[in-house]
Amino acid sequence: MDRILNIKTERQSSRRGDIVFTFALALLLCLAWFVRDVLVLIYVSALFAVVLTPVLNGIMSLRIREWHPGKGLAVLILLLAVAGAVTLFIAFALPPVIRDLKEFGSELPTRGPKMLDRIHRLPFMRHVDVSSLNTKLQDFASNFATYVFVSIKGWAGKVADIVTGIVLTVYFMLEGDTAYRWILSFFPVQHRQRLDQTLGRAELRMGKWLLGQGSLMLILGITSTIVFVALKIRYAYALGVLMGVFNIIPVAGALISVSLALLVAAIDSWGHVLGIIIFYAIYAQIETSFLTPRIMQSSVDLAGLAVVISLLLGASMAGVVGAMVAVPTAVLVAVLLNEYGVQKEPIIDVRTTE
């Protein structure tokens, strides 16, 4: 009798535990949904800290006799290098742009009608009311300051997110090992070593993503600079650098920089605009179908189809940020699935045995 009562008590306790666990999980998911933006920022920062680990290790391996930089100094050197590169770009690229913008602003009353007349001569623009377009442009110019003032709040929020992400990335690079060991301690002891080894393999492959993405950035930067110089586009070198740097954001980054190049080219000649469109249309096809799958497959050991699908899913789920971290996330998922999901036993093909 006592045994039966004990069994009933254990069943009731198990049911209560299941109910409590279900409610706790639902509450946790609800809380995660409300703070999803913060969680995405933390995840992206941690991912970039992992991706930058090989660079950090490379700096720490530098030696001057018996001395070599520690982790804190290596992070500082990395930050100073990035800040120095940005400062040099601004110092060399912005002055001519600002000078030409001032000239363009002073010449806009005389050059505006000429540009509209050139637009009206295009075959598909002949039925467009140029006068109404000119009026809209004037209204936009007069309300531009108001638009900038209204959008400052949104831009300030984006800048704050970027700064917060940089700070979190620095903290993860400095104290990531401690946080990693703390999270690992929540898993059962018998599974901890296997998970640690699996995540270590994922870290090595994710670190190689930066090498692959850097190769794509370098290829686009060099080829676009050559094309811009050949077409005699204004600010050819600055636009080429932007094309390469923005390519860290797959697809969207290149589109943003190409749009800037098109705006600059439209000031001088429609032939320049056509040349840039033809160049980017050809390059986009080559990068999407050939360069990205092969470079990423060789660097992070992912199939080309997996790279393309991860980029599509990342962009659809989290926009630009999702596209940036899509490939490293796909590497992490692939390593975990290969360790815990893929059946290691050999599969016998019935067709070959018949």
Protein backbone atom coordinates (compact mmCIF):
# COMPACT_ATOMS: atom_id res chain seq x y z
CA MET A 1 0.00 0.00 0.00
CA ASP A 2 2.78 2.40 0.92
CA ARG A 3 4.53 1.57 -2.34
CA ILE A 4 1.40 2.44 -4.32
CA LEU A 5 1.07 5.75 -2.46
CA ASN A 6 4.72 6.55 -3.15
CA ILE A 7 4.23 5.87 -6.85
CA LYS A 8 1.17 8.16 -6.93
CA THR A 9 3.08 10.88 -5.08
CA GLU A 10 5.99 10.63 -7.51
CA ARG A 11 3.61 10.86 -10.48
CA GLN A 12 1.91 13.93 -8.99
CA SER A 13 5.29 15.55 -8.32
CA SER A 14 6.38 14.76 -11.87
CA ARG A 15 3.20 16.33 -13.27
CA ARG A 16 3.67 19.44 -11.12
CA GLY A 17 7.26 19.64 -12.31
CA ASP A 18 6.16 19.37 -15.95
CA ILE A 19 3.55 22.08 -15.44
CA VAL A 20 6.01 24.41 -13.72
CA PHE A 21 8.59 23.76 -16.44
CA THR A 22 6.03 24.49 -19.19
CA PHE A 23 4.96 27.77 -17.59
CA ALA A 24 8.58 28.77 -16.95
CA LEU A 25 9.50 28.03 -20.56
CA ALA A 26 6.49 30.00 -21.86
CA LEU A 27 7.40 32.93 -19.61
CA LEU A 28 11.02 32.79 -20.77
CA LEU A 29 9.99 32.75 -24.44
CA CYS A 30 7.60 35.66 -23.86
CA LEU A 31 10.35 37.65 -22.13
CA ALA A 32 12.80 36.82 -24.93
CA TRP A 33 10.30 38.12 -27.50
CA PHE A 34 9.99 41.46 -25.72
CA VAL A 35 13.77 41.89 -25.48
CA ARG A 36 14.55 40.28 -28.84
CA ASP A 37 16.39 43.37 -30.11
CA VAL A 38 18.75 43.27 -27.14
CA LEU A 39 19.27 39.52 -27.53
CA VAL A 40 20.08 39.96 -31.23
CA LEU A 41 22.60 42.68 -30.34
CA ILE A 42 24.24 40.43 -27.72
CA TYR A 43 24.33 37.49 -30.12
CA VAL A 44 25.85 39.55 -32.97
CA SER A 45 28.46 41.02 -30.60
CA ALA A 46 29.43 37.58 -29.29
CA LEU A 47 29.61 36.25 -32.84
CA PHE A 48 31.91 39.05 -33.97
CA ALA A 49 34.09 38.45 -30.92
CA VAL A 50 34.45 34.80 -32.01
CA VAL A 51 35.10 35.79 -35.63
CA LEU A 52 37.79 38.31 -34.59
CA THR A 53 39.53 35.79 -32.34
CA PRO A 54 42.07 34.71 -35.04
CA VAL A 55 43.01 38.37 -35.60
CA LEU A 56 43.38 38.84 -31.86
CA ASN A 57 45.52 35.71 -31.57
CA GLY A 58 47.67 36.94 -34.45
CA ILE A 59 48.34 40.23 -32.66
CA MET A 60 49.11 38.39 -29.41
CA SER A 61 51.60 36.14 -31.23
CA LEU A 62 53.75 39.14 -32.23
CA ARG A 63 57.00 39.09 -30.29
CA ILE A 64 59.70 41.64 -29.57
CA ARG A 65 62.43 39.47 -28.06
CA GLU A 66 60.74 37.91 -25.02
CA TRP A 67 57.82 40.35 -24.87
CA HIS A 68 54.47 39.86 -26.56
CA PRO A 69 51.19 41.79 -26.11
CA GLY A 70 48.55 40.46 -23.76
CA LYS A 71 44.89 40.17 -24.60
CA GLY A 72 43.98 43.65 -23.33
CA LEU A 73 46.76 45.33 -25.29
CA ALA A 74 45.92 43.26 -28.38
CA VAL A 75 42.29 44.46 -28.23
CA LEU A 76 43.52 48.04 -27.87
CA ILE A 77 45.84 47.64 -30.88
CA LEU A 78 42.97 46.22 -32.94
CA LEU A 79 40.68 49.12 -32.00
CA LEU A 80 43.40 51.70 -32.76
CA ALA A 81 44.07 50.07 -36.14
CA VAL A 82 40.39 50.21 -37.10
CA ALA A 83 40.04 53.79 -35.81
CA GLY A 84 43.19 54.83 -37.68
CA ALA A 85 41.95 53.33 -40.96
CA VAL A 86 38.59 55.12 -40.60
CA THR A 87 40.33 58.41 -39.76
CA LEU A 88 42.63 58.16 -42.78
CA PHE A 89 39.71 57.44 -45.07
CA ILE A 90 37.74 60.40 -43.74
CA ALA A 91 40.77 62.70 -43.97
CA PHE A 92 41.47 61.84 -47.61
CA ALA A 93 37.96 61.17 -48.95
CA LEU A 94 35.74 63.79 -47.33
CA PRO A 95 37.47 67.09 -48.29
CA PRO A 96 36.97 66.73 -52.08
CA VAL A 97 33.40 65.52 -51.54
CA ILE A 98 32.56 68.50 -49.32
CA ARG A 99 34.19 70.89 -51.81
CA ASP A 100 32.20 69.46 -54.74
CA LEU A 101 28.97 69.49 -52.72
CA LYS A 102 29.44 73.19 -52.05
CA GLU A 103 30.04 73.83 -55.76
CA PHE A 104 27.06 71.68 -56.70
CA GLY A 105 24.84 73.55 -54.23
CA SER A 106 25.87 76.91 -55.65
CA GLU A 107 25.37 75.70 -59.24
CA LEU A 108 22.11 73.83 -58.58
CA PRO A 109 19.78 76.66 -59.79
CA THR A 110 21.51 76.62 -63.20
CA ARG A 111 22.35 72.90 -63.45
CA GLY A 112 18.98 71.64 -62.19
CA PRO A 113 16.97 72.47 -65.34
CA LYS A 114 19.74 70.98 -67.52
CA MET A 115 19.65 67.72 -65.55
CA LEU A 116 15.86 67.55 -65.81
CA ASP A 117 16.08 68.20 -69.54
CA ARG A 118 18.54 65.31 -69.89
CA ILE A 119 16.19 63.10 -67.90
CA HIS A 120 13.27 64.10 -70.12
CA ARG A 121 15.21 63.03 -73.24
CA LEU A 122 15.35 59.44 -72.05
CA PRO A 123 12.87 57.23 -74.02
CA PHE A 124 10.98 55.96 -70.97
CA MET A 125 10.83 59.44 -69.36
CA ARG A 126 9.19 61.36 -72.24
CA HIS A 127 5.71 61.04 -70.76
CA VAL A 128 6.81 62.27 -67.32
CA ASP A 129 5.75 65.78 -66.31
CA VAL A 130 9.15 67.44 -65.84
CA SER A 131 7.68 70.62 -64.38
CA SER A 132 5.93 68.73 -61.59
CA LEU A 133 9.12 66.77 -60.98
CA ASN A 134 11.04 70.04 -60.71
CA THR A 135 8.47 71.33 -58.22
CA LYS A 136 8.77 68.18 -56.12
CA LEU A 137 12.56 68.48 -56.13
CA GLN A 138 12.33 72.08 -54.96
CA ASP A 139 9.87 71.08 -52.20
CA PHE A 140 12.20 68.28 -51.13
CA ALA A 141 15.15 70.66 -51.03
CA SER A 142 13.22 73.17 -48.93
CA ASN A 143 12.00 70.48 -46.51
CA PHE A 144 15.30 68.59 -46.38
CA ALA A 145 16.41 70.27 -43.15
CA THR A 146 13.11 69.34 -41.50
CA TYR A 147 13.48 65.74 -42.67
CA VAL A 148 17.02 65.56 -41.28
CA PHE A 149 15.88 67.00 -37.93
CA VAL A 150 13.00 64.51 -37.66
CA SER A 151 15.19 61.53 -38.58
CA ILE A 152 17.96 62.45 -36.11
CA LYS A 153 16.26 60.45 -33.37
CA GLY A 154 16.19 57.29 -35.47
CA TRP A 155 19.78 57.73 -36.62
CA ALA A 156 20.88 58.42 -33.05
CA GLY A 157 19.31 55.12 -31.99
CA LYS A 158 21.17 53.26 -34.74
CA VAL A 159 24.47 54.92 -33.77
CA ALA A 160 23.84 54.01 -30.13
CA ASP A 161 23.24 50.38 -31.14
CA ILE A 162 26.51 50.33 -33.11
CA VAL A 163 28.47 51.81 -30.19
CA THR A 164 26.85 49.36 -27.78
CA GLY A 165 27.68 46.49 -30.12
CA ILE A 166 31.33 47.58 -30.29
CA VAL A 167 31.54 47.82 -26.49
CA LEU A 168 29.92 44.39 -26.07
CA THR A 169 32.29 42.89 -28.66
CA VAL A 170 35.27 44.27 -26.74
CA TYR A 171 33.95 42.83 -23.49
CA PHE A 172 33.33 39.45 -25.12
CA MET A 173 36.89 39.42 -26.48
CA LEU A 174 38.28 40.26 -23.04
CA GLU A 175 36.01 38.18 -20.81
CA GLY A 176 34.44 35.77 -23.27
CA ASP A 177 36.23 32.73 -21.85
CA THR A 178 34.80 33.35 -18.38
CA ALA A 179 31.27 33.79 -19.73
CA TYR A 180 31.69 30.71 -21.93
CA ARG A 181 32.77 28.52 -18.99
CA TRP A 182 29.88 29.84 -16.90
CA ILE A 183 27.32 28.95 -19.59
CA LEU A 184 28.97 25.57 -20.11
CA SER A 185 28.53 24.81 -16.38
CA PHE A 186 24.74 24.62 -16.85
CA PHE A 187 25.10 21.43 -18.91
CA PRO A 188 25.49 17.98 -17.33
CA VAL A 189 29.07 17.04 -16.52
CA GLN A 190 28.98 13.90 -18.66
CA HIS A 191 28.08 15.96 -21.78
CA ARG A 192 30.19 19.03 -21.05
CA GLN A 193 33.47 17.88 -22.59
CA ARG A 194 31.83 16.77 -25.84
CA LEU A 195 29.97 20.07 -26.17
CA ASP A 196 33.16 22.00 -25.42
CA GLN A 197 35.07 20.16 -28.15
CA THR A 198 32.20 20.65 -30.61
CA LEU A 199 31.99 24.39 -29.97
CA GLY A 200 35.79 24.60 -30.25
CA ARG A 201 35.60 23.14 -33.78
CA ALA A 202 32.80 25.59 -34.61
CA GLU A 203 34.94 28.49 -33.36
CA LEU A 204 37.82 27.51 -35.66
CA ARG A 205 35.55 27.33 -38.70
CA MET A 206 33.70 30.53 -37.82
CA GLY A 207 37.02 32.35 -37.48
CA LYS A 208 37.82 31.44 -41.08
CA TRP A 209 34.65 33.24 -42.23
CA LEU A 210 36.38 36.60 -41.78
CA LEU A 211 39.13 35.45 -44.15
CA GLY A 212 36.58 34.45 -46.79
CA GLN A 213 34.49 37.61 -46.39
CA GLY A 214 37.67 39.73 -46.42
CA SER A 215 38.62 38.11 -49.74
CA LEU A 216 35.23 39.02 -51.22
CA MET A 217 35.57 42.59 -49.92
CA LEU A 218 39.06 42.91 -51.41
CA ILE A 219 37.97 41.54 -54.80
CA LEU A 220 35.01 43.92 -55.06
CA GLY A 221 37.04 46.89 -53.83
CA ILE A 222 39.85 46.35 -56.35
CA THR A 223 37.63 45.59 -59.35
CA SER A 224 35.25 48.49 -58.67
CA THR A 225 38.17 50.90 -58.21
CA ILE A 226 39.66 49.81 -61.55
CA VAL A 227 36.28 50.25 -63.29
CA PHE A 228 35.63 53.64 -61.67
CA VAL A 229 39.10 54.91 -62.63
CA ALA A 230 38.65 53.63 -66.19
CA LEU A 231 35.27 55.37 -66.45
CA LYS A 232 36.76 58.52 -64.85
CA ILE A 233 34.14 58.60 -62.09
CA ARG A 234 34.56 61.25 -59.42
CA TYR A 235 36.01 60.01 -56.12
CA ALA A 236 36.89 56.70 -57.81
CA TYR A 237 39.25 55.57 -55.06
CA ALA A 238 36.92 56.58 -52.22
CA LEU A 239 33.96 54.85 -53.88
CA GLY A 240 36.08 51.74 -54.48
CA VAL A 241 37.03 51.60 -50.80
CA LEU A 242 33.37 52.01 -49.81
CA MET A 243 32.36 49.23 -52.20
CA GLY A 244 34.83 46.89 -50.53
CA VAL A 245 34.03 47.88 -46.94
CA PHE A 246 30.25 47.78 -47.40
CA ASN A 247 30.54 44.31 -48.91
CA ILE A 248 30.84 42.95 -45.36
CA ILE A 249 27.05 43.22 -45.51
CA PRO A 250 26.16 40.62 -48.17
CA VAL A 251 24.06 41.94 -51.08
CA ALA A 252 22.67 45.01 -49.25
CA GLY A 253 26.09 46.57 -48.63
CA ALA A 254 27.08 46.44 -52.29
CA LEU A 255 23.68 47.84 -53.34
CA ILE A 256 24.11 50.83 -50.99
CA SER A 257 27.59 51.62 -52.29
CA VAL A 258 26.50 51.14 -55.92
CA SER A 259 23.64 53.57 -55.33
CA LEU A 260 26.15 56.15 -54.09
CA ALA A 261 28.32 55.54 -57.15
CA LEU A 262 25.29 55.95 -59.43
CA LEU A 263 24.38 59.25 -57.80
CA VAL A 264 27.91 60.54 -58.28
CA ALA A 265 28.03 59.31 -61.89
CA ALA A 266 24.65 60.88 -62.71
CA ILE A 267 26.11 64.34 -62.05
CA ASP A 268 28.49 64.01 -65.00
CA SER A 269 27.20 61.57 -67.60
CA TRP A 270 24.51 58.99 -68.25
CA GLY A 271 27.20 56.93 -69.95
CA HIS A 272 28.95 56.66 -66.58
CA VAL A 273 25.68 55.51 -65.01
CA LEU A 274 25.20 52.86 -67.69
CA GLY A 275 28.79 51.69 -67.27
CA ILE A 276 28.38 51.25 -63.50
CA ILE A 277 25.07 49.39 -63.97
CA ILE A 278 26.63 47.00 -66.49
CA PHE A 279 29.68 46.43 -64.26
CA TYR A 280 27.68 45.68 -61.13
CA ALA A 281 25.15 43.49 -62.97
CA ILE A 282 28.00 41.32 -64.26
CA TYR A 283 29.88 41.31 -60.96
CA ALA A 284 26.78 40.48 -58.91
CA GLN A 285 26.14 37.42 -61.04
CA ILE A 286 29.76 36.29 -60.76
CA GLU A 287 29.88 36.85 -56.99
CA THR A 288 26.54 35.20 -56.25
CA SER A 289 26.96 32.15 -58.47
CA PHE A 290 30.73 31.62 -58.38
CA LEU A 291 32.80 33.63 -55.88
CA THR A 292 30.67 33.46 -52.72
CA PRO A 293 29.86 29.73 -52.82
CA ARG A 294 33.44 28.70 -53.66
CA ILE A 295 35.29 31.08 -51.34
CA MET A 296 32.97 30.37 -48.45
CA GLN A 297 33.09 26.64 -49.13
CA SER A 298 36.89 26.65 -49.07
CA SER A 299 37.14 28.86 -45.96
CA VAL A 300 34.28 27.66 -43.75
CA ASP A 301 33.65 24.25 -45.39
CA LEU A 302 30.02 24.93 -46.24
CA ALA A 303 28.30 23.85 -49.43
CA GLY A 304 27.50 26.68 -51.84
CA LEU A 305 23.77 25.99 -51.56
CA ALA A 306 23.98 26.21 -47.77
CA VAL A 307 25.72 29.61 -48.02
CA VAL A 308 23.05 31.02 -50.35
CA ILE A 309 20.17 29.64 -48.24
CA SER A 310 21.70 30.99 -45.01
CA LEU A 311 22.05 34.45 -46.57
CA LEU A 312 18.41 34.41 -47.71
CA LEU A 313 17.15 33.24 -44.30
CA GLY A 314 19.33 35.70 -42.37
CA ALA A 315 18.23 38.66 -44.50
CA SER A 316 14.55 37.72 -44.25
CA MET A 317 14.66 37.17 -40.47
CA ALA A 318 16.82 40.10 -39.31
CA GLY A 319 17.52 42.27 -42.34
CA VAL A 320 21.04 43.63 -42.78
CA VAL A 321 22.25 42.32 -39.41
CA GLY A 322 20.90 38.87 -40.19
CA ALA A 323 22.71 38.82 -43.54
CA MET A 324 25.98 39.82 -41.83
CA VAL A 325 25.93 36.93 -39.37
CA ALA A 326 24.15 34.39 -41.59
CA VAL A 327 27.22 32.43 -42.69
CA PRO A 328 28.90 32.18 -39.23
CA THR A 329 25.57 31.11 -37.77
CA ALA A 330 25.20 28.50 -40.49
CA VAL A 331 28.66 27.20 -39.61
CA LEU A 332 27.67 26.88 -35.94
CA VAL A 333 24.45 25.09 -36.81
CA ALA A 334 26.26 22.78 -39.25
CA VAL A 335 28.85 21.75 -36.65
CA LEU A 336 26.19 21.09 -33.99
CA LEU A 337 24.04 19.10 -36.40
CA ASN A 338 27.03 17.10 -37.60
CA GLU A 339 27.91 16.20 -34.01
CA TYR A 340 24.47 15.58 -32.51
CA GLY A 341 22.06 15.10 -35.42
CA VAL A 342 23.81 13.28 -38.25
CA GLN A 343 23.75 9.49 -38.05
CA LYS A 344 27.32 8.21 -38.20
CA GLU A 345 26.42 4.65 -39.23
CA PRO A 346 27.06 3.86 -42.91
CA ILE A 347 23.94 3.79 -45.07
CA ILE A 348 23.64 0.78 -47.36
CA ASP A 349 22.35 1.67 -50.80
CA VAL A 350 19.83 -1.02 -51.75
CA ARG A 351 20.19 -0.20 -55.44
CA THR A 352 23.88 -1.21 -55.44
CA THR A 353 23.21 -4.54 -53.72
CA GLU A 354 20.60 -5.72 -56.17
